[in-house]
C-alpha atoms as a PDB file:
ATOM      1  CA  MET A   1      43.315  42.986 131.872  1.00  0.00           C
ATOM      2  CA  THR A   2      46.861  44.320 132.101  1.00  0.00           C
ATOM      3  CA  ILE A   3      49.533  42.655 134.236  1.00  0.00           C
ATOM      4  CA  ASP A   4      52.063  44.991 135.801  1.00  0.00           C
ATOM      5  CA  LEU A   5      55.447  43.274 135.571  1.00  0.00           C
ATOM      6  CA  THR A   6      57.374  46.198 137.071  1.00  0.00           C
ATOM      7  CA  LYS A   7      57.426  44.804 140.616  1.00  0.00           C
ATOM      8  CA  ILE A   8      58.436  41.351 139.422  1.00  0.00           C
ATOM      9  CA  ILE A   9      61.249  42.744 137.286  1.00  0.00           C
ATOM     10  CA  LEU A  10      62.448  44.942 140.161  1.00  0.00           C
ATOM     11  CA  ALA A  11      62.427  41.926 142.491  1.00  0.00           C
ATOM     12  CA  ILE A  12      64.470  39.885 140.000  1.00  0.00           C
ATOM     13  CA  ILE A  13      66.967  42.736 139.548  1.00  0.00           C
ATOM     14  CA  THR A  14      67.250  43.082 143.336  1.00  0.00           C
ATOM     15  CA  LEU A  15      67.850  39.341 143.679  1.00  0.00           C
ATOM     16  CA  ILE A  16      70.511  39.387 140.972  1.00  0.00           C
ATOM     17  CA  GLY A  17      72.185  42.382 142.652  1.00  0.00           C
ATOM     18  CA  ALA A  18      72.184  40.587 146.005  1.00  0.00           C
ATOM     19  CA  VAL A  19      73.741  37.454 144.506  1.00  0.00           C
ATOM     20  CA  ILE A  20      76.432  39.506 142.764  1.00  0.00           C
ATOM     21  CA  THR A  21      77.161  41.449 145.949  1.00  0.00           C
ATOM     22  CA  ARG A  22      77.254  38.332 148.114  1.00  0.00           C
ATOM     23  CA  TYR A  23      79.285  35.979 145.922  1.00  0.00           C
ATOM     24  CA  LEU A  24      80.818  37.515 142.810  1.00  0.00           C
ATOM     25  CA  ILE A  25      82.382  40.676 144.240  1.00  0.00           C
ATOM     26  CA  PRO A  26      84.149  38.941 147.185  1.00  0.00           C
ATOM     27  CA  TYR A  27      85.423  36.265 144.798  1.00  0.00           C
ATOM     28  CA  LEU A  28      86.831  38.864 142.419  1.00  0.00           C
ATOM     29  CA  ILE A  29      88.419  40.862 145.244  1.00  0.00           C
ATOM     30  CA  GLU A  30      90.091  37.772 146.693  1.00  0.00           C
ATOM     31  CA  ASN A  31      91.304  36.693 143.271  1.00  0.00           C
ATOM     32  CA  VAL A  32      92.869  40.109 142.627  1.00  0.00           C
ATOM     33  CA  GLU A  33      94.443  40.210 146.113  1.00  0.00           C
ATOM     34  CA  GLU A  34      95.881  36.720 145.673  1.00  0.00           C
ATOM     35  CA  LYS A  35      97.465  37.667 142.357  1.00  0.00           C
ATOM     36  CA  LYS A  36      98.808  40.876 143.892  1.00  0.00           C
ATOM     37  CA  ARG A  37     100.393  38.964 146.805  1.00  0.00           C
ATOM     38  CA  ALA A  38     101.968  36.449 144.424  1.00  0.00           C
ATOM     39  CA  LYS A  39     103.390  39.250 142.272  1.00  0.00           C
ATOM     40  CA  ILE A  40     104.851  41.019 145.314  1.00  0.00           C
ATOM     41  CA  ALA A  41     106.381  37.744 146.532  1.00  0.00           C
ATOM     42  CA  ASP A  42     108.003  37.258 143.111  1.00  0.00           C
ATOM     43  CA  ILE A  43     109.372  40.812 143.194  1.00  0.00           C
ATOM     44  CA  VAL A  44     110.794  40.249 146.686  1.00  0.00           C
ATOM     45  CA  CYS A  45     112.470  36.985 145.646  1.00  0.00           C
ATOM     46  CA  THR A  46     113.978  38.643 142.591  1.00  0.00           C
ATOM     47  CA  LEU A  47     115.298  41.559 144.643  1.00  0.00           C
ATOM     48  CA  VAL A  48     116.767  39.252 147.290  1.00  0.00           C
ATOM     49  CA  GLU A  49     118.547  37.202 144.627  1.00  0.00           C
ATOM     50  CA  ALA A  50     119.798  40.380 142.947  1.00  0.00           C
ATOM     51  CA  ALA A  51     121.077  41.742 146.258  1.00  0.00           C
ATOM     52  CA  ASP A  52     122.896  38.489 146.892  1.00  0.00           C
ATOM     53  CA  ARG A  53     124.419  38.478 143.447  1.00  0.00           C
ATOM     54  CA  TYR A  54     125.405  42.146 143.123  1.00  0.00           C
ATOM     55  CA  LEU A  55     126.348  42.911 146.702  1.00  0.00           C
ATOM     56  CA  LYS A  56     128.586  39.921 147.413  1.00  0.00           C
ATOM     57  CA  THR A  57     130.815  41.966 149.708  1.00  0.00           C
ATOM     58  CA  GLY A  58     127.921  43.943 151.201  1.00  0.00           C
ATOM     59  CA  THR A  59     126.654  43.432 154.696  1.00  0.00           C
ATOM     60  CA  GLY A  60     123.227  42.059 155.468  1.00  0.00           C
ATOM     61  CA  GLU A  61     122.011  45.581 156.196  1.00  0.00           C
ATOM     62  CA  GLU A  62     123.205  46.837 152.792  1.00  0.00           C
ATOM     63  CA  ARG A  63     121.476  43.939 151.052  1.00  0.00           C
ATOM     64  CA  LEU A  64     118.312  44.548 153.035  1.00  0.00           C
ATOM     65  CA  GLN A  65     118.393  48.229 152.117  1.00  0.00           C
ATOM     66  CA  TYR A  66     118.827  47.251 148.451  1.00  0.00           C
ATOM     67  CA  VAL A  67     115.647  45.151 148.644  1.00  0.00           C
ATOM     68  CA  VAL A  68     113.724  47.833 150.558  1.00  0.00           C
ATOM     69  CA  ASP A  69     114.785  50.487 148.027  1.00  0.00           C
ATOM     70  CA  GLY A  70     113.794  48.215 145.143  1.00  0.00           C
ATOM     71  CA  LEU A  71     110.368  47.708 146.663  1.00  0.00           C
ATOM     72  CA  ALA A  72     110.001  51.453 147.248  1.00  0.00           C
ATOM     73  CA  ASP A  73     110.739  52.014 143.549  1.00  0.00           C
ATOM     74  CA  LYS A  74     107.736  49.788 142.845  1.00  0.00           C
ATOM     75  CA  GLY A  75     105.532  51.687 145.310  1.00  0.00           C
ATOM     76  CA  ILE A  76     105.764  49.119 148.103  1.00  0.00           C
ATOM     77  CA  TYR A  77     106.930  50.551 151.404  1.00  0.00           C
ATOM     78  CA  VAL A  78     108.400  48.422 154.176  1.00  0.00           C
ATOM     79  CA  ASN A  79     108.356  49.353 157.862  1.00  0.00           C
ATOM     80  CA  MET A  80     111.652  47.814 158.941  1.00  0.00           C
ATOM     81  CA  GLN A  81     111.079  48.822 162.562  1.00  0.00           C
ATOM     82  CA  ASP A  82     108.044  46.524 162.766  1.00  0.00           C
ATOM     83  CA  ILE A  83     109.150  42.893 162.844  1.00  0.00           C
ATOM     84  CA  HIS A  84     105.593  41.876 161.945  1.00  0.00           C
ATOM     85  CA  ASP A  85     105.405  44.007 158.787  1.00  0.00           C
ATOM     86  CA  GLN A  86     104.100  41.734 156.028  1.00  0.00           C
ATOM     87  CA  TYR A  87     106.773  42.816 153.545  1.00  0.00           C
ATOM     88  CA  ARG A  88     109.591  42.389 156.031  1.00  0.00           C
ATOM     89  CA  VAL A  89     108.363  38.859 156.692  1.00  0.00           C
ATOM     90  CA  LEU A  90     108.343  38.215 152.926  1.00  0.00           C
ATOM     91  CA  ILE A  91     111.918  39.486 152.635  1.00  0.00           C
ATOM     92  CA  GLU A  92     113.151  37.306 155.489  1.00  0.00           C
ATOM     93  CA  SER A  93     111.362  34.303 154.034  1.00  0.00           C
ATOM     94  CA  ALA A  94     112.926  34.890 150.615  1.00  0.00           C
ATOM     95  CA  VAL A  95     116.380  35.190 152.215  1.00  0.00           C
ATOM     96  CA  GLU A  96     115.869  31.906 154.049  1.00  0.00           C
ATOM     97  CA  GLN A  97     114.691  30.181 150.857  1.00  0.00           C
ATOM     98  CA  LEU A  98     117.787  31.489 149.059  1.00  0.00           C
ATOM     99  CA  ARG A  99     120.046  30.142 151.826  1.00  0.00           C
ATOM    100  CA  ILE A 100     118.376  26.749 151.624  1.00  0.00           C
ATOM    101  CA  ARG A 101     118.770  26.618 147.825  1.00  0.00           C
ATOM    102  CA  GLN A 102     122.419  27.670 148.054  1.00  0.00           C
ATOM    103  CA  GLY A 103     123.073  25.066 150.737  1.00  0.00           C
ATOM    104  CA  VAL A 104     121.561  22.330 148.602  1.00  0.00           C
ATOM    105  CA  GLN A 105     123.291  23.426 145.399  1.00  0.00           C
ATOM    106  CA  GLY A 106     126.541  24.619 146.929  1.00  0.00           C
END
């Protein structure tokens, strides 16, 4: 008597595929997205600090353009007309954090 294990093996492979699709892939995607957001936030903070340091006599618009251009060089494009643009919000947050640090230190 021969036992056909093909259906059992296919069922196990299907179950493993379902578990990977349900849990592992979303976890990996979120992990990558989280790291990407953190990296972009670091880039924005660095650019804001650089704009503050190198454009001491520049207006706020010139400093903002410096940051936007720096992000564009990295392939990140900011819609400055949209006040809800995620990158614009990051820039404004970084500027506020810089002001707070300067107020505490200065």
